[in-house]
N, C-alpha and C. Protein backbone atom coordinates (compact mmCIF):
# COMPACT_ATOMS: atom_id res chain seq x y z
N UNK A 1 15.75 6.62 -34.87
CA UNK A 1 14.44 6.09 -35.20
C UNK A 1 14.32 5.97 -36.71
N UNK A 2 13.63 4.93 -37.16
CA UNK A 2 13.45 4.67 -38.57
C UNK A 2 11.97 4.71 -38.90
N UNK A 3 11.68 5.08 -40.13
CA UNK A 3 10.31 5.15 -40.59
C UNK A 3 10.25 4.64 -42.02
N UNK A 4 9.13 4.06 -42.40
CA UNK A 4 8.92 3.62 -43.78
C UNK A 4 8.72 4.82 -44.68
N UNK A 5 8.30 5.92 -44.10
CA UNK A 5 8.04 7.13 -44.87
C UNK A 5 9.20 8.09 -44.72
N UNK A 6 9.68 8.60 -45.83
CA UNK A 6 10.78 9.55 -45.78
C UNK A 6 10.33 10.92 -45.28
N UNK A 7 9.06 11.26 -45.49
CA UNK A 7 8.58 12.58 -45.12
C UNK A 7 8.05 12.64 -43.68
N UNK A 8 8.24 11.60 -42.88
CA UNK A 8 7.75 11.59 -41.49
C UNK A 8 8.58 12.55 -40.66
N UNK A 9 7.88 13.35 -39.87
CA UNK A 9 8.56 14.32 -38.98
C UNK A 9 9.00 13.58 -37.72
N UNK A 10 10.31 13.34 -37.58
CA UNK A 10 10.84 12.58 -36.45
C UNK A 10 10.54 13.25 -35.12
N UNK A 11 10.45 14.57 -35.09
CA UNK A 11 10.18 15.30 -33.84
C UNK A 11 8.76 15.07 -33.34
N UNK A 12 7.83 14.74 -34.25
CA UNK A 12 6.44 14.56 -33.85
C UNK A 12 6.15 13.14 -33.36
N UNK A 13 7.10 12.23 -33.54
CA UNK A 13 6.91 10.85 -33.09
C UNK A 13 7.22 10.78 -31.60
N UNK A 14 6.26 10.29 -30.85
CA UNK A 14 6.42 10.21 -29.39
C UNK A 14 6.60 8.76 -28.98
N UNK A 15 7.47 8.55 -28.01
CA UNK A 15 7.69 7.22 -27.48
C UNK A 15 6.54 6.85 -26.54
N UNK A 16 6.05 5.64 -26.66
CA UNK A 16 4.96 5.15 -25.81
C UNK A 16 5.45 4.96 -24.39
N UNK A 17 4.75 5.55 -23.42
CA UNK A 17 5.15 5.40 -22.01
C UNK A 17 4.02 4.80 -21.17
N UNK A 18 3.05 4.23 -21.82
CA UNK A 18 1.93 3.61 -21.10
C UNK A 18 2.29 2.20 -20.65
N UNK A 19 1.31 1.48 -20.10
CA UNK A 19 1.57 0.12 -19.60
C UNK A 19 1.95 -0.84 -20.72
N UNK A 20 2.88 -1.73 -20.39
CA UNK A 20 3.31 -2.76 -21.34
C UNK A 20 2.39 -3.98 -21.25
N UNK A 21 1.92 -4.28 -20.03
CA UNK A 21 0.99 -5.39 -19.84
C UNK A 21 -0.12 -4.97 -18.88
N UNK A 22 -1.23 -5.63 -19.02
CA UNK A 22 -2.38 -5.41 -18.14
C UNK A 22 -2.89 -6.78 -17.70
N UNK A 23 -3.09 -6.95 -16.40
CA UNK A 23 -3.57 -8.22 -15.86
C UNK A 23 -4.76 -7.97 -14.94
N UNK A 24 -5.62 -8.97 -14.81
CA UNK A 24 -6.76 -8.84 -13.92
C UNK A 24 -6.74 -9.94 -12.87
N UNK A 25 -7.44 -9.68 -11.77
CA UNK A 25 -7.57 -10.63 -10.66
C UNK A 25 -6.21 -11.14 -10.18
N UNK A 26 -5.36 -10.23 -9.77
CA UNK A 26 -4.00 -10.55 -9.32
C UNK A 26 -4.06 -11.14 -7.92
N UNK A 27 -3.27 -12.18 -7.70
CA UNK A 27 -3.15 -12.81 -6.39
C UNK A 27 -1.71 -13.29 -6.24
N UNK A 28 -0.91 -12.56 -5.46
CA UNK A 28 0.50 -12.89 -5.24
C UNK A 28 0.71 -13.31 -3.79
N UNK A 29 1.32 -14.46 -3.60
CA UNK A 29 1.56 -14.97 -2.25
C UNK A 29 3.06 -15.08 -2.04
N UNK A 30 3.55 -14.53 -0.93
CA UNK A 30 4.95 -14.66 -0.57
C UNK A 30 5.02 -15.58 0.63
N UNK A 31 5.87 -16.60 0.54
CA UNK A 31 5.98 -17.56 1.64
C UNK A 31 7.44 -17.74 2.02
N UNK A 32 7.64 -18.27 3.22
CA UNK A 32 8.97 -18.59 3.72
C UNK A 32 8.85 -19.90 4.49
N UNK A 33 9.62 -20.88 4.11
CA UNK A 33 9.58 -22.21 4.75
C UNK A 33 8.16 -22.77 4.75
N UNK A 34 7.47 -22.63 3.63
CA UNK A 34 6.11 -23.15 3.41
C UNK A 34 5.06 -22.48 4.29
N UNK A 35 5.38 -21.32 4.87
CA UNK A 35 4.41 -20.55 5.65
C UNK A 35 4.17 -19.23 4.93
N UNK A 36 2.90 -18.90 4.69
CA UNK A 36 2.55 -17.65 4.01
C UNK A 36 2.94 -16.47 4.89
N UNK A 37 3.68 -15.51 4.29
CA UNK A 37 4.09 -14.29 5.00
C UNK A 37 3.23 -13.09 4.59
N UNK A 38 2.94 -12.99 3.28
CA UNK A 38 2.07 -11.92 2.81
C UNK A 38 1.27 -12.41 1.61
N UNK A 39 0.13 -11.76 1.41
CA UNK A 39 -0.80 -12.15 0.36
C UNK A 39 -1.34 -10.86 -0.25
N UNK A 40 -1.05 -10.61 -1.52
CA UNK A 40 -1.46 -9.39 -2.20
C UNK A 40 -2.55 -9.72 -3.21
N UNK A 41 -3.63 -8.94 -3.20
CA UNK A 41 -4.72 -9.12 -4.15
C UNK A 41 -5.07 -7.77 -4.76
N UNK A 42 -5.38 -7.79 -6.07
CA UNK A 42 -5.79 -6.57 -6.76
C UNK A 42 -6.65 -6.95 -7.96
N UNK A 43 -7.71 -6.19 -8.23
CA UNK A 43 -8.56 -6.49 -9.38
C UNK A 43 -7.86 -6.26 -10.72
N UNK A 44 -6.90 -5.29 -10.76
CA UNK A 44 -6.25 -4.97 -12.03
C UNK A 44 -4.82 -4.52 -11.75
N UNK A 45 -3.91 -4.92 -12.65
CA UNK A 45 -2.50 -4.54 -12.52
C UNK A 45 -2.00 -4.08 -13.88
N UNK A 46 -1.31 -2.93 -13.90
CA UNK A 46 -0.68 -2.41 -15.10
C UNK A 46 0.82 -2.38 -14.87
N UNK A 47 1.60 -3.03 -15.75
CA UNK A 47 3.05 -3.05 -15.59
C UNK A 47 3.70 -2.21 -16.69
N UNK A 48 4.65 -1.38 -16.29
CA UNK A 48 5.31 -0.45 -17.20
C UNK A 48 6.71 -0.94 -17.55
N UNK A 49 7.29 -0.39 -18.61
CA UNK A 49 8.60 -0.82 -19.12
C UNK A 49 9.70 -0.69 -18.07
N UNK A 50 9.60 0.29 -17.18
CA UNK A 50 10.63 0.49 -16.15
C UNK A 50 10.46 -0.45 -14.96
N UNK A 51 9.46 -1.32 -15.00
CA UNK A 51 9.23 -2.28 -13.91
C UNK A 51 8.24 -1.80 -12.87
N UNK A 52 7.83 -0.53 -12.94
CA UNK A 52 6.82 -0.03 -12.00
C UNK A 52 5.48 -0.68 -12.31
N UNK A 53 4.67 -0.82 -11.27
CA UNK A 53 3.36 -1.45 -11.40
C UNK A 53 2.31 -0.53 -10.79
N UNK A 54 1.15 -0.45 -11.42
CA UNK A 54 0.04 0.34 -10.88
C UNK A 54 -1.14 -0.60 -10.66
N UNK A 55 -1.83 -0.40 -9.54
CA UNK A 55 -3.06 -1.12 -9.22
C UNK A 55 -4.18 -0.09 -9.20
N UNK A 56 -4.74 0.27 -10.38
CA UNK A 56 -5.66 1.40 -10.47
C UNK A 56 -7.02 1.18 -9.81
N UNK A 57 -7.39 -0.06 -9.55
CA UNK A 57 -8.70 -0.35 -8.98
C UNK A 57 -8.60 -0.82 -7.53
N UNK A 58 -7.47 -0.57 -6.89
CA UNK A 58 -7.31 -0.92 -5.49
C UNK A 58 -6.34 -2.06 -5.27
N UNK A 59 -5.94 -2.19 -4.01
CA UNK A 59 -4.99 -3.22 -3.61
C UNK A 59 -5.27 -3.60 -2.17
N UNK A 60 -5.09 -4.89 -1.86
CA UNK A 60 -5.20 -5.36 -0.48
C UNK A 60 -4.03 -6.28 -0.20
N UNK A 61 -3.35 -6.04 0.92
CA UNK A 61 -2.23 -6.87 1.33
C UNK A 61 -2.51 -7.41 2.72
N UNK A 62 -2.33 -8.70 2.89
CA UNK A 62 -2.49 -9.33 4.21
C UNK A 62 -1.11 -9.79 4.68
N UNK A 63 -0.84 -9.55 5.97
CA UNK A 63 0.42 -9.97 6.58
C UNK A 63 0.13 -11.05 7.61
N UNK A 64 0.93 -12.12 7.57
CA UNK A 64 0.70 -13.25 8.45
C UNK A 64 1.80 -13.34 9.50
N UNK A 65 1.43 -13.84 10.67
CA UNK A 65 2.36 -14.02 11.78
C UNK A 65 3.26 -15.23 11.51
N UNK A 66 4.28 -15.42 12.35
CA UNK A 66 5.21 -16.54 12.18
C UNK A 66 4.52 -17.89 12.26
N UNK A 67 3.41 -17.95 13.02
CA UNK A 67 2.69 -19.22 13.14
C UNK A 67 1.66 -19.42 12.02
N UNK A 68 1.60 -18.44 11.08
CA UNK A 68 0.70 -18.57 9.94
C UNK A 68 -0.66 -17.92 10.10
N UNK A 69 -0.96 -17.35 11.27
CA UNK A 69 -2.27 -16.70 11.46
C UNK A 69 -2.25 -15.29 10.86
N UNK A 70 -3.39 -14.87 10.34
CA UNK A 70 -3.54 -13.54 9.77
C UNK A 70 -3.44 -12.51 10.89
N UNK A 71 -2.51 -11.57 10.75
CA UNK A 71 -2.31 -10.58 11.79
C UNK A 71 -2.73 -9.17 11.40
N UNK A 72 -2.44 -8.79 10.14
CA UNK A 72 -2.65 -7.40 9.72
C UNK A 72 -3.14 -7.35 8.29
N UNK A 73 -4.04 -6.40 8.00
CA UNK A 73 -4.49 -6.16 6.63
C UNK A 73 -4.24 -4.70 6.28
N UNK A 74 -3.95 -4.47 5.01
CA UNK A 74 -3.77 -3.12 4.49
C UNK A 74 -4.51 -3.04 3.17
N UNK A 75 -5.31 -1.99 2.99
CA UNK A 75 -6.02 -1.82 1.72
C UNK A 75 -6.00 -0.36 1.32
N UNK A 76 -6.07 -0.12 0.01
CA UNK A 76 -6.08 1.24 -0.53
C UNK A 76 -6.90 1.27 -1.81
N UNK A 77 -7.46 2.44 -2.12
CA UNK A 77 -8.25 2.61 -3.34
C UNK A 77 -7.41 2.45 -4.60
N UNK A 78 -6.12 2.81 -4.49
CA UNK A 78 -5.22 2.75 -5.63
C UNK A 78 -3.83 2.40 -5.09
N UNK A 79 -3.08 1.60 -5.83
CA UNK A 79 -1.76 1.21 -5.36
C UNK A 79 -0.71 1.29 -6.44
N UNK A 80 0.54 1.35 -6.00
CA UNK A 80 1.68 1.41 -6.90
C UNK A 80 2.81 0.57 -6.33
N UNK A 81 3.61 -0.02 -7.21
CA UNK A 81 4.86 -0.63 -6.81
C UNK A 81 5.95 0.11 -7.57
N UNK A 82 6.89 0.71 -6.84
CA UNK A 82 7.98 1.48 -7.43
C UNK A 82 9.22 0.59 -7.41
N UNK A 83 9.55 0.03 -8.57
CA UNK A 83 10.59 -1.00 -8.64
C UNK A 83 11.95 -0.51 -8.17
N UNK A 84 12.36 0.67 -8.63
CA UNK A 84 13.70 1.16 -8.30
C UNK A 84 13.91 1.27 -6.79
N UNK A 85 12.86 1.65 -6.05
CA UNK A 85 12.96 1.78 -4.59
C UNK A 85 12.48 0.52 -3.86
N UNK A 86 11.93 -0.46 -4.59
CA UNK A 86 11.29 -1.63 -3.99
C UNK A 86 10.32 -1.18 -2.89
N UNK A 87 9.35 -0.36 -3.30
CA UNK A 87 8.45 0.31 -2.37
C UNK A 87 7.02 0.24 -2.91
N UNK A 88 6.08 -0.09 -2.03
CA UNK A 88 4.66 -0.06 -2.38
C UNK A 88 4.06 1.22 -1.83
N UNK A 89 3.11 1.78 -2.59
CA UNK A 89 2.44 3.03 -2.18
C UNK A 89 0.94 2.82 -2.33
N UNK A 90 0.19 3.15 -1.28
CA UNK A 90 -1.27 3.10 -1.32
C UNK A 90 -1.83 4.50 -1.23
N UNK A 91 -2.90 4.78 -1.99
CA UNK A 91 -3.50 6.11 -2.00
C UNK A 91 -5.02 6.01 -1.95
N UNK A 92 -5.63 7.12 -1.57
CA UNK A 92 -7.09 7.19 -1.49
C UNK A 92 -7.54 6.92 -0.08
N UNK A 93 -8.55 6.08 0.07
CA UNK A 93 -9.02 5.66 1.38
C UNK A 93 -8.15 4.48 1.80
N UNK A 94 -7.13 4.76 2.62
CA UNK A 94 -6.17 3.74 3.04
C UNK A 94 -6.50 3.30 4.46
N UNK A 95 -6.58 1.99 4.66
CA UNK A 95 -6.87 1.45 5.99
C UNK A 95 -5.91 0.32 6.31
N UNK A 96 -5.37 0.35 7.53
CA UNK A 96 -4.51 -0.71 8.04
C UNK A 96 -5.14 -1.20 9.33
N UNK A 97 -5.26 -2.51 9.47
CA UNK A 97 -5.85 -3.09 10.68
C UNK A 97 -4.94 -4.17 11.24
N UNK A 98 -4.60 -4.04 12.51
CA UNK A 98 -3.92 -5.11 13.23
C UNK A 98 -5.01 -5.87 13.95
N UNK A 99 -5.31 -7.06 13.48
CA UNK A 99 -6.43 -7.85 14.01
C UNK A 99 -6.13 -8.39 15.41
N UNK A 100 -4.86 -8.61 15.71
CA UNK A 100 -4.48 -9.19 17.00
C UNK A 100 -4.49 -8.16 18.13
N UNK A 101 -4.18 -6.90 17.82
CA UNK A 101 -4.11 -5.86 18.84
C UNK A 101 -5.30 -4.91 18.81
N UNK A 102 -6.27 -5.17 17.92
CA UNK A 102 -7.45 -4.32 17.79
C UNK A 102 -7.05 -2.86 17.55
N UNK A 103 -6.18 -2.66 16.55
CA UNK A 103 -5.73 -1.33 16.16
C UNK A 103 -6.11 -1.10 14.70
N UNK A 104 -6.48 0.15 14.39
CA UNK A 104 -6.81 0.52 13.03
C UNK A 104 -6.18 1.86 12.70
N UNK A 105 -5.82 2.03 11.45
CA UNK A 105 -5.27 3.28 10.96
C UNK A 105 -6.01 3.69 9.72
N UNK A 106 -6.26 4.97 9.57
CA UNK A 106 -6.88 5.49 8.36
C UNK A 106 -6.10 6.72 7.93
N UNK A 107 -5.76 6.79 6.62
CA UNK A 107 -5.02 7.91 6.06
C UNK A 107 -5.29 7.99 4.57
N UNK A 108 -4.69 8.93 3.88
CA UNK A 108 -4.90 9.06 2.43
C UNK A 108 -3.71 8.57 1.60
N UNK A 109 -2.59 8.27 2.27
CA UNK A 109 -1.41 7.78 1.56
C UNK A 109 -0.53 7.01 2.53
N UNK A 110 -0.01 5.87 2.07
CA UNK A 110 0.88 5.07 2.92
C UNK A 110 1.92 4.38 2.06
N UNK A 111 3.08 4.13 2.64
CA UNK A 111 4.15 3.41 1.97
C UNK A 111 4.48 2.16 2.75
N UNK A 112 4.79 1.08 2.02
CA UNK A 112 5.26 -0.17 2.64
C UNK A 112 6.60 -0.51 2.02
N UNK A 113 7.62 -0.61 2.87
CA UNK A 113 8.94 -1.01 2.44
C UNK A 113 9.16 -2.46 2.87
N UNK A 114 9.04 -3.42 1.94
CA UNK A 114 9.17 -4.83 2.32
C UNK A 114 10.59 -5.20 2.79
N UNK A 115 11.61 -4.50 2.31
CA UNK A 115 12.98 -4.79 2.76
C UNK A 115 13.16 -4.44 4.23
N UNK A 116 12.64 -3.27 4.62
CA UNK A 116 12.77 -2.80 6.00
C UNK A 116 11.62 -3.29 6.88
N UNK A 117 10.61 -3.92 6.26
CA UNK A 117 9.43 -4.42 6.96
C UNK A 117 8.76 -3.31 7.79
N UNK A 118 8.54 -2.16 7.14
CA UNK A 118 7.90 -1.05 7.84
C UNK A 118 6.92 -0.33 6.92
N UNK A 119 5.94 0.32 7.55
CA UNK A 119 4.98 1.17 6.84
C UNK A 119 5.11 2.58 7.41
N UNK A 120 4.81 3.58 6.56
CA UNK A 120 4.94 4.95 7.03
C UNK A 120 4.14 5.90 6.14
N UNK A 121 3.89 7.09 6.68
CA UNK A 121 3.23 8.16 5.94
C UNK A 121 3.60 9.50 6.57
N UNK A 122 3.52 10.55 5.76
CA UNK A 122 3.71 11.91 6.25
C UNK A 122 2.37 12.65 6.26
N UNK A 123 1.30 11.98 5.88
CA UNK A 123 -0.03 12.58 5.79
C UNK A 123 -0.75 12.51 7.14
N UNK A 124 -1.91 13.15 7.20
CA UNK A 124 -2.77 13.12 8.38
C UNK A 124 -3.25 11.69 8.60
N UNK A 125 -3.21 11.23 9.85
CA UNK A 125 -3.66 9.87 10.17
C UNK A 125 -4.61 9.89 11.36
N UNK A 126 -5.51 8.92 11.35
CA UNK A 126 -6.36 8.65 12.51
C UNK A 126 -6.08 7.21 12.90
N UNK A 127 -5.75 7.01 14.16
CA UNK A 127 -5.47 5.67 14.68
C UNK A 127 -6.45 5.37 15.80
N UNK A 128 -7.10 4.23 15.70
CA UNK A 128 -7.97 3.76 16.77
C UNK A 128 -7.29 2.58 17.44
N UNK A 129 -7.05 2.74 18.72
CA UNK A 129 -6.46 1.66 19.52
C UNK A 129 -7.46 1.33 20.61
N UNK A 130 -8.13 0.20 20.41
CA UNK A 130 -9.25 -0.21 21.26
C UNK A 130 -10.28 0.92 21.34
N UNK A 131 -10.46 1.56 22.46
CA UNK A 131 -11.49 2.60 22.61
C UNK A 131 -10.91 4.02 22.60
N UNK A 132 -9.67 4.18 22.12
CA UNK A 132 -9.06 5.51 22.08
C UNK A 132 -8.74 5.86 20.63
N UNK A 133 -9.02 7.11 20.28
CA UNK A 133 -8.78 7.63 18.94
C UNK A 133 -7.68 8.67 19.00
N UNK A 134 -6.66 8.52 18.15
CA UNK A 134 -5.55 9.47 18.07
C UNK A 134 -5.53 10.09 16.68
N UNK A 135 -5.26 11.39 16.59
CA UNK A 135 -5.11 12.08 15.31
C UNK A 135 -3.74 12.74 15.28
N UNK A 136 -3.11 12.73 14.12
CA UNK A 136 -1.81 13.36 13.98
C UNK A 136 -1.38 13.38 12.53
N UNK A 137 -0.21 13.94 12.32
CA UNK A 137 0.36 14.00 10.98
C UNK A 137 1.68 13.26 10.99
N UNK A 138 1.78 12.22 10.16
CA UNK A 138 2.98 11.41 10.08
C UNK A 138 2.92 10.22 11.02
N UNK A 139 3.41 9.07 10.53
CA UNK A 139 3.39 7.85 11.33
C UNK A 139 4.40 6.88 10.75
N UNK A 140 5.05 6.13 11.64
CA UNK A 140 5.94 5.02 11.26
C UNK A 140 5.53 3.82 12.08
N UNK A 141 5.59 2.64 11.45
CA UNK A 141 5.23 1.40 12.15
C UNK A 141 5.95 0.22 11.52
N UNK A 142 6.03 -0.88 12.27
CA UNK A 142 6.48 -2.12 11.65
C UNK A 142 5.37 -2.58 10.72
N UNK A 143 5.68 -3.49 9.78
CA UNK A 143 4.69 -3.86 8.76
C UNK A 143 3.46 -4.53 9.33
N UNK A 144 3.55 -5.06 10.55
CA UNK A 144 2.37 -5.68 11.17
C UNK A 144 1.52 -4.65 11.92
N UNK A 145 1.99 -3.40 11.98
CA UNK A 145 1.29 -2.33 12.70
C UNK A 145 1.11 -2.71 14.17
N UNK A 146 2.08 -3.48 14.70
CA UNK A 146 2.05 -3.86 16.12
C UNK A 146 2.58 -2.73 16.99
N UNK A 147 3.66 -2.12 16.54
CA UNK A 147 4.21 -0.96 17.24
C UNK A 147 4.28 0.18 16.24
N UNK A 148 3.91 1.35 16.68
CA UNK A 148 3.91 2.51 15.80
C UNK A 148 4.33 3.76 16.56
N UNK A 149 4.75 4.74 15.79
CA UNK A 149 5.10 6.05 16.35
C UNK A 149 4.29 7.08 15.58
N UNK A 150 3.39 7.76 16.27
CA UNK A 150 2.57 8.80 15.67
C UNK A 150 3.30 10.12 15.86
N UNK A 151 3.60 10.80 14.78
CA UNK A 151 4.31 12.08 14.85
C UNK A 151 3.29 13.21 14.92
N UNK A 152 3.66 14.31 15.47
CA UNK A 152 2.81 15.51 15.51
C UNK A 152 1.37 15.19 15.93
N UNK A 153 1.21 14.64 17.11
CA UNK A 153 -0.11 14.27 17.63
C UNK A 153 -0.94 15.55 17.81
N UNK A 154 -2.14 15.55 17.27
CA UNK A 154 -3.03 16.71 17.39
C UNK A 154 -3.97 16.56 18.58
N UNK A 155 -4.57 15.38 18.70
CA UNK A 155 -5.48 15.16 19.82
C UNK A 155 -5.75 13.67 19.99
N UNK A 156 -6.37 13.35 21.09
CA UNK A 156 -6.82 11.98 21.35
C UNK A 156 -8.08 12.06 22.19
N UNK A 157 -8.90 11.04 22.05
CA UNK A 157 -10.14 11.00 22.83
C UNK A 157 -10.62 9.57 22.96
N UNK A 158 -11.45 9.35 23.98
CA UNK A 158 -12.06 8.04 24.20
C UNK A 158 -13.33 7.96 23.37
N UNK A 159 -13.50 6.85 22.69
CA UNK A 159 -14.67 6.63 21.85
C UNK A 159 -15.88 6.23 22.67
N UNK A 160 -17.03 6.66 22.19
CA UNK A 160 -18.28 6.21 22.79
C UNK A 160 -18.66 4.87 22.20
N UNK A 161 -19.48 4.08 22.87
CA UNK A 161 -19.88 2.78 22.33
C UNK A 161 -20.48 2.94 20.93
N UNK A 162 -20.03 2.10 19.97
CA UNK A 162 -20.53 2.15 18.60
C UNK A 162 -19.74 3.06 17.69
N UNK A 163 -18.85 3.89 18.24
CA UNK A 163 -18.03 4.78 17.43
C UNK A 163 -16.80 4.03 16.94
N UNK A 164 -16.20 4.53 15.89
CA UNK A 164 -14.97 3.95 15.38
C UNK A 164 -14.64 4.51 14.02
N UNK A 165 -13.49 4.10 13.49
CA UNK A 165 -13.13 4.58 12.15
C UNK A 165 -13.41 3.50 11.13
């Protein structure tokens, strides 16, 4: 490291590790053969030197079916993209909805692996499938949340009219 001052204490100089860029109103669309596959929206994005990205004000991702219809939505209070693992992470009040199968998931943390096209968590989850509510810890699903495996099921019950997550 170089300094204009000869008397500068090199040990006291700290390398900046904060965001390199900041963007607002992010809208990223991924398509294949002119058909939208996913649509990511976030009010704010911070990008770091290592390629990691933070969405400090929330993130919403929509997944589309092969015919182009909206099938699943995922939203979180805060989001991250971990470049080295090519992995998205949602935290806070996390909700996943499969609009076609009338399924919903609620948890405090979720991961989306776009390469493997799957979502998963090791945290406590509540899943509503039509009129049945399931609680457990840990879950794996395809990215559309069409099929899922709930690990360590704690309980399940039928919902009363007007109830839901």
